[in-house]
Amino acid sequence: MKVVTLSSATIGSKTAIAIQKATDYLKLKFTEIEVEMIDLCEKDLVFSDGRNYLEYSGDTLEVTSKLMQADAIIIGTPIFQASIPGSLKNIFDLLPEKALRDKVVSIVVTAGSSKHYLVPEMQLKPILSYMKAQVLPEIVFIEGQDFNRHEIENIDIHFRLEKLVEDTVLMTEVYQEFKRKQEALLF
């Protein structure tokens, strides 16, 4: 199994801190799983212009290829202006329409206010569903007040991140078994 964790923020540190923590939990609890973290702060992606993702080069091809090869993706996103950031939307635009078919996707959100809680429900989950992802129903929502000195201070967030990681792996295993049984019926 291959899991990619994605910090989709290109500015700030909170989303990367949260995704790094999820990545650490994955590596600690599931040593047999291949885990890779992608931090868009460290990448130079071009804007989507409608080409096939394989026609891009550099960081753009690297990021999209790793997402396409993953069995599961944990997406970390900040909420800016009551919306997902353009950097995350660009990732979706770079990928094929059904790029997330047969992939389990879970969500970690960082936001300055609890007023943004519905943004992932109203904006992110419909995009993921359209791209055919198997989306975990629960998200981890982290407010600015949960951080202190570049650390997640709220112990409940740690428990919720760890549970999200466990649920992501379990759902991926169950979904892969479901696909094996489904394919066996066809042949």
N, C-alpha and C. Protein backbone atom coordinates (compact mmCIF):
# COMPACT_ATOMS: atom_id res chain seq x y z
N MET A 1 0.85 -1.18 0.00
CA MET A 1 0.00 0.00 0.00
C MET A 1 0.88 1.23 0.00
N LYS A 2 0.46 2.22 -0.78
CA LYS A 2 1.20 3.48 -0.85
C LYS A 2 0.27 4.61 -0.44
N VAL A 3 0.71 5.40 0.55
CA VAL A 3 -0.07 6.53 1.02
C VAL A 3 0.73 7.80 0.79
N VAL A 4 0.09 8.79 0.18
CA VAL A 4 0.70 10.11 -0.01
C VAL A 4 -0.04 11.09 0.88
N THR A 5 0.72 11.86 1.63
CA THR A 5 0.14 12.95 2.42
C THR A 5 0.49 14.24 1.70
N LEU A 6 -0.48 15.12 1.58
CA LEU A 6 -0.31 16.34 0.78
C LEU A 6 -0.64 17.56 1.61
N SER A 7 0.34 18.43 1.78
CA SER A 7 0.10 19.74 2.38
C SER A 7 -0.08 20.71 1.23
N SER A 8 -1.31 21.18 1.03
CA SER A 8 -1.62 21.98 -0.15
C SER A 8 -1.41 23.48 0.05
N ALA A 9 -0.92 23.88 1.20
CA ALA A 9 -0.67 25.31 1.45
C ALA A 9 0.66 25.71 0.81
N THR A 10 0.68 26.88 0.22
CA THR A 10 1.93 27.40 -0.33
C THR A 10 2.48 28.53 0.53
N ILE A 11 1.80 28.82 1.61
CA ILE A 11 2.24 29.85 2.55
C ILE A 11 1.82 29.43 3.96
N GLY A 12 2.56 29.83 4.94
CA GLY A 12 2.24 29.48 6.32
C GLY A 12 2.76 28.10 6.68
N SER A 13 2.58 27.73 7.95
CA SER A 13 3.16 26.47 8.41
C SER A 13 2.15 25.51 9.04
N LYS A 14 0.97 25.96 9.39
CA LYS A 14 0.04 25.13 10.15
C LYS A 14 -0.40 23.86 9.41
N THR A 15 -0.70 24.00 8.15
CA THR A 15 -1.13 22.82 7.38
C THR A 15 0.00 21.81 7.28
N ALA A 16 1.20 22.28 7.00
CA ALA A 16 2.35 21.38 6.91
C ALA A 16 2.63 20.70 8.25
N ILE A 17 2.47 21.42 9.34
CA ILE A 17 2.66 20.83 10.67
C ILE A 17 1.66 19.70 10.90
N ALA A 18 0.41 19.95 10.55
CA ALA A 18 -0.64 18.93 10.74
C ALA A 18 -0.39 17.71 9.86
N ILE A 19 -0.02 17.94 8.61
CA ILE A 19 0.22 16.82 7.69
C ILE A 19 1.49 16.07 8.08
N GLN A 20 2.49 16.78 8.57
CA GLN A 20 3.70 16.10 9.04
C GLN A 20 3.36 15.19 10.22
N LYS A 21 2.49 15.64 11.10
CA LYS A 21 2.07 14.83 12.25
C LYS A 21 1.34 13.58 11.75
N ALA A 22 0.44 13.73 10.78
CA ALA A 22 -0.25 12.57 10.22
C ALA A 22 0.74 11.62 9.56
N THR A 23 1.71 12.16 8.86
CA THR A 23 2.75 11.35 8.22
C THR A 23 3.55 10.59 9.27
N ASP A 24 3.89 11.26 10.35
CA ASP A 24 4.64 10.61 11.44
C ASP A 24 3.83 9.46 12.04
N TYR A 25 2.53 9.67 12.26
CA TYR A 25 1.68 8.60 12.79
C TYR A 25 1.65 7.41 11.82
N LEU A 26 1.54 7.69 10.54
CA LEU A 26 1.54 6.61 9.53
C LEU A 26 2.83 5.80 9.61
N LYS A 27 3.95 6.49 9.63
CA LYS A 27 5.24 5.79 9.63
C LYS A 27 5.48 5.03 10.93
N LEU A 28 4.97 5.54 12.03
CA LEU A 28 5.16 4.91 13.32
C LEU A 28 4.27 3.66 13.48
N LYS A 29 3.01 3.77 13.08
CA LYS A 29 2.05 2.69 13.32
C LYS A 29 1.98 1.65 12.21
N PHE A 30 2.35 2.05 11.00
CA PHE A 30 2.21 1.16 9.85
C PHE A 30 3.53 1.10 9.08
N THR A 31 4.49 0.42 9.66
CA THR A 31 5.84 0.40 9.08
C THR A 31 5.90 -0.32 7.74
N GLU A 32 4.92 -1.17 7.45
CA GLU A 32 4.91 -1.91 6.18
C GLU A 32 4.38 -1.08 5.02
N ILE A 33 3.83 0.09 5.30
CA ILE A 33 3.23 0.94 4.27
C ILE A 33 4.26 1.94 3.75
N GLU A 34 4.24 2.13 2.44
CA GLU A 34 5.08 3.16 1.82
C GLU A 34 4.37 4.51 1.99
N VAL A 35 5.05 5.44 2.63
CA VAL A 35 4.46 6.74 2.94
C VAL A 35 5.35 7.84 2.37
N GLU A 36 4.73 8.81 1.73
CA GLU A 36 5.48 9.97 1.24
C GLU A 36 4.67 11.24 1.48
N MET A 37 5.34 12.25 1.99
CA MET A 37 4.69 13.55 2.20
C MET A 37 5.11 14.50 1.09
N ILE A 38 4.13 15.21 0.56
CA ILE A 38 4.38 16.26 -0.43
C ILE A 38 3.93 17.57 0.19
N ASP A 39 4.84 18.52 0.23
CA ASP A 39 4.55 19.86 0.76
C ASP A 39 4.65 20.84 -0.40
N LEU A 40 3.51 21.42 -0.80
CA LEU A 40 3.51 22.32 -1.96
C LEU A 40 4.34 23.58 -1.74
N CYS A 41 4.67 23.89 -0.48
CA CYS A 41 5.58 25.01 -0.21
C CYS A 41 6.95 24.76 -0.83
N GLU A 42 7.30 23.49 -1.00
CA GLU A 42 8.60 23.11 -1.50
C GLU A 42 8.60 22.80 -2.99
N LYS A 43 7.47 22.96 -3.65
CA LYS A 43 7.33 22.59 -5.05
C LYS A 43 7.03 23.82 -5.90
N ASP A 44 7.41 23.73 -7.16
CA ASP A 44 7.14 24.79 -8.13
C ASP A 44 6.24 24.22 -9.21
N LEU A 45 4.94 24.32 -8.99
CA LEU A 45 3.97 23.77 -9.92
C LEU A 45 3.47 24.84 -10.89
N VAL A 46 3.23 24.42 -12.12
CA VAL A 46 2.66 25.33 -13.10
C VAL A 46 1.14 25.23 -13.02
N PHE A 47 0.46 26.22 -13.56
CA PHE A 47 -0.99 26.18 -13.61
C PHE A 47 -1.44 25.22 -14.69
N SER A 48 -2.53 24.54 -14.44
CA SER A 48 -3.09 23.61 -15.40
C SER A 48 -3.50 24.35 -16.66
N ASP A 49 -3.17 23.77 -17.80
CA ASP A 49 -3.60 24.34 -19.07
C ASP A 49 -4.37 23.32 -19.91
N GLY A 50 -4.80 22.25 -19.25
CA GLY A 50 -5.64 21.26 -19.93
C GLY A 50 -4.91 20.08 -20.52
N ARG A 51 -3.57 20.09 -20.48
CA ARG A 51 -2.81 18.95 -21.00
C ARG A 51 -2.98 17.73 -20.11
N ASN A 52 -2.64 16.58 -20.66
CA ASN A 52 -2.56 15.36 -19.86
C ASN A 52 -1.45 15.56 -18.83
N TYR A 53 -1.66 15.05 -17.63
CA TYR A 53 -0.68 15.28 -16.56
C TYR A 53 0.71 14.75 -16.92
N LEU A 54 0.79 13.74 -17.78
CA LEU A 54 2.09 13.18 -18.18
C LEU A 54 2.87 14.09 -19.12
N GLU A 55 2.21 15.10 -19.66
CA GLU A 55 2.89 16.03 -20.57
C GLU A 55 3.57 17.17 -19.84
N TYR A 56 3.38 17.28 -18.53
CA TYR A 56 4.06 18.30 -17.74
C TYR A 56 5.43 17.77 -17.37
N SER A 57 6.25 18.62 -16.80
CA SER A 57 7.59 18.21 -16.38
C SER A 57 7.88 18.77 -15.00
N GLY A 58 9.06 18.47 -14.50
CA GLY A 58 9.51 19.01 -13.23
C GLY A 58 8.64 18.61 -12.06
N ASP A 59 8.47 19.55 -11.12
CA ASP A 59 7.68 19.29 -9.92
C ASP A 59 6.22 18.96 -10.23
N THR A 60 5.69 19.55 -11.28
CA THR A 60 4.30 19.30 -11.65
C THR A 60 4.09 17.84 -11.99
N LEU A 61 4.96 17.29 -12.83
CA LEU A 61 4.86 15.87 -13.19
C LEU A 61 5.13 14.99 -11.98
N GLU A 62 6.10 15.35 -11.16
CA GLU A 62 6.43 14.56 -9.98
C GLU A 62 5.24 14.46 -9.02
N VAL A 63 4.62 15.60 -8.71
CA VAL A 63 3.51 15.61 -7.75
C VAL A 63 2.31 14.86 -8.32
N THR A 64 1.92 15.14 -9.53
CA THR A 64 0.75 14.48 -10.10
C THR A 64 0.98 12.97 -10.26
N SER A 65 2.17 12.57 -10.64
CA SER A 65 2.47 11.14 -10.78
C SER A 65 2.38 10.43 -9.45
N LYS A 66 2.91 11.04 -8.40
CA LYS A 66 2.87 10.41 -7.08
C LYS A 66 1.43 10.29 -6.58
N LEU A 67 0.62 11.29 -6.86
CA LEU A 67 -0.79 11.21 -6.47
C LEU A 67 -1.52 10.12 -7.25
N MET A 68 -1.21 9.99 -8.53
CA MET A 68 -1.84 8.96 -9.36
C MET A 68 -1.44 7.56 -8.93
N GLN A 69 -0.23 7.40 -8.40
CA GLN A 69 0.27 6.08 -8.00
C GLN A 69 -0.17 5.68 -6.59
N ALA A 70 -0.70 6.61 -5.84
CA ALA A 70 -1.07 6.35 -4.44
C ALA A 70 -2.34 5.50 -4.36
N ASP A 71 -2.39 4.70 -3.30
CA ASP A 71 -3.62 3.97 -2.97
C ASP A 71 -4.52 4.81 -2.08
N ALA A 72 -3.89 5.67 -1.28
CA ALA A 72 -4.63 6.56 -0.38
C ALA A 72 -3.91 7.90 -0.32
N ILE A 73 -4.69 8.94 -0.10
CA ILE A 73 -4.14 10.31 -0.01
C ILE A 73 -4.77 10.98 1.20
N ILE A 74 -3.93 11.57 2.01
CA ILE A 74 -4.42 12.41 3.10
C ILE A 74 -4.13 13.85 2.68
N ILE A 75 -5.19 14.59 2.41
CA ILE A 75 -5.06 15.97 1.94
C ILE A 75 -5.14 16.92 3.12
N GLY A 76 -4.15 17.76 3.24
CA GLY A 76 -4.18 18.84 4.21
C GLY A 76 -4.39 20.14 3.48
N THR A 77 -5.37 20.90 3.92
CA THR A 77 -5.66 22.16 3.25
C THR A 77 -5.99 23.25 4.25
N PRO A 78 -5.47 24.44 4.00
CA PRO A 78 -5.95 25.58 4.79
C PRO A 78 -7.25 26.08 4.17
N ILE A 79 -7.93 26.92 4.91
CA ILE A 79 -9.10 27.61 4.36
C ILE A 79 -8.74 29.08 4.28
N PHE A 80 -8.78 29.61 3.08
CA PHE A 80 -8.50 31.03 2.84
C PHE A 80 -9.75 31.67 2.23
N GLN A 81 -10.19 32.79 2.77
CA GLN A 81 -11.34 33.52 2.23
C GLN A 81 -12.54 32.59 2.06
N ALA A 82 -12.78 31.75 3.04
CA ALA A 82 -13.91 30.82 3.05
C ALA A 82 -13.89 29.87 1.85
N SER A 83 -12.69 29.45 1.45
CA SER A 83 -12.56 28.56 0.30
C SER A 83 -11.27 27.75 0.40
N ILE A 84 -11.21 26.66 -0.39
CA ILE A 84 -9.96 25.93 -0.49
C ILE A 84 -8.98 26.80 -1.28
N PRO A 85 -7.69 26.64 -1.07
CA PRO A 85 -6.73 27.48 -1.79
C PRO A 85 -6.63 27.10 -3.27
N GLY A 86 -6.23 28.06 -4.07
CA GLY A 86 -6.05 27.83 -5.50
C GLY A 86 -5.02 26.76 -5.79
N SER A 87 -4.02 26.62 -4.91
CA SER A 87 -2.99 25.60 -5.11
C SER A 87 -3.59 24.19 -5.09
N LEU A 88 -4.57 23.96 -4.23
CA LEU A 88 -5.22 22.65 -4.19
C LEU A 88 -6.14 22.47 -5.39
N LYS A 89 -6.88 23.49 -5.73
CA LYS A 89 -7.74 23.41 -6.92
C LYS A 89 -6.90 23.15 -8.17
N ASN A 90 -5.71 23.76 -8.24
CA ASN A 90 -4.82 23.53 -9.38
C ASN A 90 -4.39 22.07 -9.46
N ILE A 91 -4.13 21.46 -8.31
CA ILE A 91 -3.78 20.03 -8.30
C ILE A 91 -4.92 19.23 -8.94
N PHE A 92 -6.14 19.51 -8.53
CA PHE A 92 -7.28 18.79 -9.10
C PHE A 92 -7.40 19.05 -10.60
N ASP A 93 -7.13 20.28 -11.02
CA ASP A 93 -7.21 20.61 -12.44
C ASP A 93 -6.12 19.93 -13.26
N LEU A 94 -4.97 19.68 -12.64
CA LEU A 94 -3.87 19.01 -13.34
C LEU A 94 -4.13 17.52 -13.55
N LEU A 95 -4.93 16.94 -12.68
CA LEU A 95 -5.19 15.50 -12.74
C LEU A 95 -6.35 15.18 -13.69
N PRO A 96 -6.37 13.95 -14.21
CA PRO A 96 -7.51 13.53 -15.04
C PRO A 96 -8.80 13.50 -14.22
N GLU A 97 -9.91 13.56 -14.92
CA GLU A 97 -11.23 13.63 -14.28
C GLU A 97 -11.47 12.50 -13.28
N LYS A 98 -11.05 11.29 -13.61
CA LYS A 98 -11.28 10.14 -12.73
C LYS A 98 -9.99 9.69 -12.05
N ALA A 99 -9.12 10.63 -11.78
CA ALA A 99 -7.80 10.33 -11.21
C ALA A 99 -7.87 9.67 -9.85
N LEU A 100 -8.91 9.92 -9.11
CA LEU A 100 -8.98 9.41 -7.74
C LEU A 100 -9.83 8.15 -7.62
N ARG A 101 -10.21 7.59 -8.76
CA ARG A 101 -10.97 6.34 -8.74
C ARG A 101 -10.16 5.28 -8.01
N ASP A 102 -10.81 4.55 -7.13
CA ASP A 102 -10.20 3.48 -6.34
C ASP A 102 -9.17 3.96 -5.33
N LYS A 103 -9.15 5.25 -5.03
CA LYS A 103 -8.26 5.79 -4.01
C LYS A 103 -9.09 6.25 -2.81
N VAL A 104 -8.58 5.99 -1.64
CA VAL A 104 -9.20 6.48 -0.42
C VAL A 104 -8.58 7.84 -0.12
N VAL A 105 -9.42 8.81 0.16
CA VAL A 105 -8.94 10.16 0.44
C VAL A 105 -9.52 10.62 1.78
N SER A 106 -8.66 11.15 2.62
CA SER A 106 -9.12 11.74 3.87
C SER A 106 -8.61 13.17 3.95
N ILE A 107 -9.22 13.95 4.84
CA ILE A 107 -9.03 15.40 4.83
C ILE A 107 -8.65 15.93 6.20
N VAL A 108 -7.63 16.80 6.20
CA VAL A 108 -7.22 17.56 7.38
C VAL A 108 -7.32 19.03 6.99
N VAL A 109 -8.04 19.81 7.79
CA VAL A 109 -8.25 21.22 7.47
C VAL A 109 -7.68 22.09 8.58
N THR A 110 -6.98 23.14 8.18
CA THR A 110 -6.55 24.17 9.14
C THR A 110 -7.27 25.46 8.78
N ALA A 111 -7.80 26.12 9.80
CA ALA A 111 -8.56 27.35 9.55
C ALA A 111 -8.43 28.27 10.74
N GLY A 112 -8.58 29.53 10.50
CA GLY A 112 -8.48 30.52 11.57
C GLY A 112 -9.72 30.61 12.43
N SER A 113 -10.81 30.04 11.94
CA SER A 113 -12.08 30.20 12.63
C SER A 113 -12.95 28.96 12.45
N SER A 114 -13.76 28.66 13.45
CA SER A 114 -14.70 27.55 13.33
C SER A 114 -15.80 27.85 12.31
N LYS A 115 -15.92 29.09 11.90
CA LYS A 115 -16.93 29.47 10.92
C LYS A 115 -16.67 28.82 9.56
N HIS A 116 -15.46 28.32 9.35
CA HIS A 116 -15.10 27.71 8.07
C HIS A 116 -15.30 26.20 8.05
N TYR A 117 -15.96 25.65 9.06
CA TYR A 117 -16.09 24.21 9.18
C TYR A 117 -16.78 23.57 7.98
N LEU A 118 -17.74 24.25 7.38
CA LEU A 118 -18.49 23.66 6.27
C LEU A 118 -17.79 23.76 4.92
N VAL A 119 -16.70 24.48 4.83
CA VAL A 119 -16.01 24.63 3.54
C VAL A 119 -15.60 23.28 2.97
N PRO A 120 -14.95 22.40 3.74
CA PRO A 120 -14.60 21.11 3.14
C PRO A 120 -15.83 20.29 2.73
N GLU A 121 -16.90 20.40 3.50
CA GLU A 121 -18.12 19.67 3.17
C GLU A 121 -18.76 20.19 1.89
N MET A 122 -18.76 21.49 1.71
CA MET A 122 -19.47 22.10 0.59
C MET A 122 -18.59 22.27 -0.66
N GLN A 123 -17.28 22.33 -0.49
CA GLN A 123 -16.41 22.56 -1.64
C GLN A 123 -15.49 21.39 -1.95
N LEU A 124 -14.81 20.86 -0.94
CA LEU A 124 -13.80 19.85 -1.19
C LEU A 124 -14.40 18.46 -1.44
N LYS A 125 -15.32 18.04 -0.61
CA LYS A 125 -15.90 16.71 -0.79
C LYS A 125 -16.61 16.53 -2.13
N PRO A 126 -17.34 17.54 -2.63
CA PRO A 126 -17.94 17.36 -3.96
C PRO A 126 -16.91 17.20 -5.08
N ILE A 127 -15.79 17.90 -4.99
CA ILE A 127 -14.74 17.74 -6.00
C ILE A 127 -14.17 16.33 -5.93
N LEU A 128 -13.87 15.89 -4.72
CA LEU A 128 -13.31 14.54 -4.54
C LEU A 128 -14.29 13.47 -5.03
N SER A 129 -15.56 13.67 -4.75
CA SER A 129 -16.57 12.73 -5.21
C SER A 129 -16.65 12.73 -6.74
N TYR A 130 -16.61 13.89 -7.34
CA TYR A 130 -16.64 14.00 -8.81
C TYR A 130 -15.45 13.27 -9.44
N MET A 131 -14.31 13.31 -8.75
CA MET A 131 -13.10 12.65 -9.25
C MET A 131 -13.07 11.18 -8.85
N LYS A 132 -14.15 10.68 -8.28
CA LYS A 132 -14.38 9.27 -7.97
C LYS A 132 -13.59 8.74 -6.77
N ALA A 133 -13.19 9.61 -5.86
CA ALA A 133 -12.48 9.17 -4.66
C ALA A 133 -13.43 8.49 -3.69
N GLN A 134 -12.89 7.61 -2.87
CA GLN A 134 -13.60 7.03 -1.74
C GLN A 134 -13.22 7.91 -0.54
N VAL A 135 -14.09 8.82 -0.14
CA VAL A 135 -13.77 9.85 0.84
C VAL A 135 -14.20 9.42 2.24
N LEU A 136 -13.28 9.49 3.18
CA LEU A 136 -13.63 9.24 4.58
C LEU A 136 -14.63 10.30 5.01
N PRO A 137 -15.70 9.92 5.68
CA PRO A 137 -16.71 10.90 6.07
C PRO A 137 -16.21 11.91 7.11
N GLU A 138 -15.36 11.46 8.04
CA GLU A 138 -14.87 12.36 9.08
C GLU A 138 -13.65 13.13 8.58
N ILE A 139 -13.56 14.37 9.02
CA ILE A 139 -12.38 15.17 8.74
C ILE A 139 -11.77 15.59 10.08
N VAL A 140 -10.52 16.02 10.02
CA VAL A 140 -9.91 16.64 11.20
C VAL A 140 -9.84 18.13 10.91
N PHE A 141 -10.54 18.90 11.70
CA PHE A 141 -10.61 20.36 11.55
C PHE A 141 -9.79 20.97 12.68
N ILE A 142 -8.78 21.76 12.32
CA ILE A 142 -7.88 22.34 13.30
C ILE A 142 -7.92 23.86 13.19
N GLU A 143 -8.22 24.51 14.30
CA GLU A 143 -8.25 25.97 14.32
C GLU A 143 -6.88 26.52 14.72
N GLY A 144 -6.67 27.77 14.41
CA GLY A 144 -5.43 28.43 14.77
C GLY A 144 -5.12 28.37 16.25
N GLN A 145 -6.15 28.40 17.08
CA GLN A 145 -5.96 28.36 18.53
C GLN A 145 -5.45 27.01 19.02
N ASP A 146 -5.48 25.99 18.16
CA ASP A 146 -4.99 24.66 18.54
C ASP A 146 -3.48 24.54 18.39
N PHE A 147 -2.85 25.57 17.84
CA PHE A 147 -1.41 25.59 17.64
C PHE A 147 -0.74 26.52 18.65
N ASN A 148 0.48 26.18 19.01
CA ASN A 148 1.30 27.05 19.84
C ASN A 148 2.77 26.78 19.50
N ARG A 149 3.46 27.80 19.07
CA ARG A 149 4.89 27.69 18.74
C ARG A 149 5.18 26.56 17.76
N HIS A 150 4.48 26.55 16.67
CA HIS A 150 4.68 25.56 15.60
C HIS A 150 4.45 24.12 16.06
N GLU A 151 3.59 23.94 17.03
CA GLU A 151 3.20 22.61 17.51
C GLU A 151 1.69 22.58 17.68
N ILE A 152 1.10 21.41 17.51
CA ILE A 152 -0.31 21.25 17.80
C ILE A 152 -0.42 21.05 19.30
N GLU A 153 -1.06 22.01 19.95
CA GLU A 153 -1.16 22.01 21.40
C GLU A 153 -2.36 21.23 21.92
N ASN A 154 -3.42 21.21 21.17
CA ASN A 154 -4.67 20.56 21.59
C ASN A 154 -4.51 19.04 21.49
N ILE A 155 -4.55 18.36 22.62
CA ILE A 155 -4.35 16.91 22.66
C ILE A 155 -5.45 16.17 21.90
N ASP A 156 -6.66 16.71 21.88
CA ASP A 156 -7.75 16.09 21.13
C ASP A 156 -7.42 16.01 19.64
N ILE A 157 -6.75 17.01 19.11
CA ILE A 157 -6.36 17.01 17.70
C ILE A 157 -5.39 15.86 17.43
N HIS A 158 -4.47 15.61 18.34
CA HIS A 158 -3.55 14.48 18.18
C HIS A 158 -4.31 13.16 18.09
N PHE A 159 -5.27 12.97 18.98
CA PHE A 159 -6.08 11.74 18.95
C PHE A 159 -6.86 11.63 17.65
N ARG A 160 -7.44 12.74 17.21
CA ARG A 160 -8.24 12.73 15.98
C ARG A 160 -7.37 12.48 14.75
N LEU A 161 -6.17 13.05 14.72
CA LEU A 161 -5.24 12.80 13.60
C LEU A 161 -4.84 11.32 13.56
N GLU A 162 -4.53 10.79 14.73
CA GLU A 162 -4.13 9.38 14.79
C GLU A 162 -5.28 8.48 14.33
N LYS A 163 -6.50 8.79 14.75
CA LYS A 163 -7.68 8.01 14.33
C LYS A 163 -7.92 8.16 12.82
N LEU A 164 -7.74 9.34 12.28
CA LEU A 164 -7.90 9.56 10.85
C LEU A 164 -6.91 8.69 10.07
N VAL A 165 -5.67 8.65 10.54
CA VAL A 165 -4.65 7.83 9.90
C VAL A 165 -5.06 6.36 9.94
N GLU A 166 -5.47 5.88 11.11
CA GLU A 166 -5.89 4.49 11.25
C GLU A 166 -7.08 4.18 10.35
N ASP A 167 -8.07 5.07 10.33
CA ASP A 167 -9.25 4.86 9.49
C ASP A 167 -8.91 4.88 8.01
N THR A 168 -7.97 5.73 7.62
CA THR A 168 -7.54 5.80 6.22
C THR A 168 -6.93 4.48 5.79
N VAL A 169 -6.04 3.95 6.61
CA VAL A 169 -5.39 2.68 6.28
C VAL A 169 -6.40 1.55 6.27
N LEU A 170 -7.26 1.49 7.27
CA LEU A 170 -8.26 0.43 7.34
C LEU A 170 -9.21 0.49 6.15
N MET A 171 -9.69 1.69 5.82
CA MET A 171 -10.61 1.81 4.69
C MET A 171 -9.91 1.43 3.38
N THR A 172 -8.64 1.76 3.25
CA THR A 172 -7.89 1.39 2.05
C THR A 172 -7.78 -0.13 1.94
N GLU A 173 -7.46 -0.79 3.05
CA GLU A 173 -7.38 -2.25 3.05
C GLU A 173 -8.72 -2.88 2.69
N VAL A 174 -9.78 -2.38 3.28
CA VAL A 174 -11.12 -2.91 3.01
C VAL A 174 -11.50 -2.66 1.56
N TYR A 175 -11.21 -1.48 1.05
CA TYR A 175 -11.58 -1.16 -0.32
C TYR A 175 -10.78 -2.01 -1.31
N GLN A 176 -9.50 -2.24 -1.02
CA GLN A 176 -8.69 -3.08 -1.90
C GLN A 176 -9.22 -4.52 -1.92
N GLU A 177 -9.65 -5.02 -0.77
CA GLU A 177 -10.23 -6.36 -0.70
C GLU A 177 -11.55 -6.41 -1.48
N PHE A 178 -12.35 -5.37 -1.33
CA PHE A 178 -13.60 -5.26 -2.08
C PHE A 178 -13.33 -5.31 -3.58
N LYS A 179 -12.33 -4.57 -4.05
CA LYS A 179 -12.00 -4.55 -5.48
C LYS A 179 -11.52 -5.92 -5.96
N ARG A 180 -10.73 -6.63 -5.13
CA ARG A 180 -10.28 -7.97 -5.49
C ARG A 180 -11.47 -8.92 -5.66
N LYS A 181 -12.40 -8.87 -4.73
CA LYS A 181 -13.58 -9.74 -4.81
C LYS A 181 -14.45 -9.36 -6.00
N GLN A 182 -14.57 -8.07 -6.24
CA GLN A 182 -15.37 -7.59 -7.37
C GLN A 182 -14.75 -8.08 -8.69
N GLU A 183 -13.44 -7.99 -8.82
CA GLU A 183 -12.77 -8.43 -10.04
C GLU A 183 -12.87 -9.94 -10.20
N ALA A 184 -12.81 -10.68 -9.08
CA ALA A 184 -12.92 -12.14 -9.15
C ALA A 184 -14.29 -12.56 -9.69
N LEU A 185 -15.31 -11.80 -9.38
CA LEU A 185 -16.65 -12.10 -9.88
C LEU A 185 -16.76 -11.88 -11.38
N LEU A 186 -15.95 -10.96 -11.89
CA LEU A 186 -16.02 -10.64 -13.32
C LEU A 186 -15.29 -11.67 -14.18
N PHE A 187 -14.36 -12.37 -13.59
CA PHE A 187 -13.55 -13.31 -14.39
C PHE A 187 -13.76 -14.72 -14.02
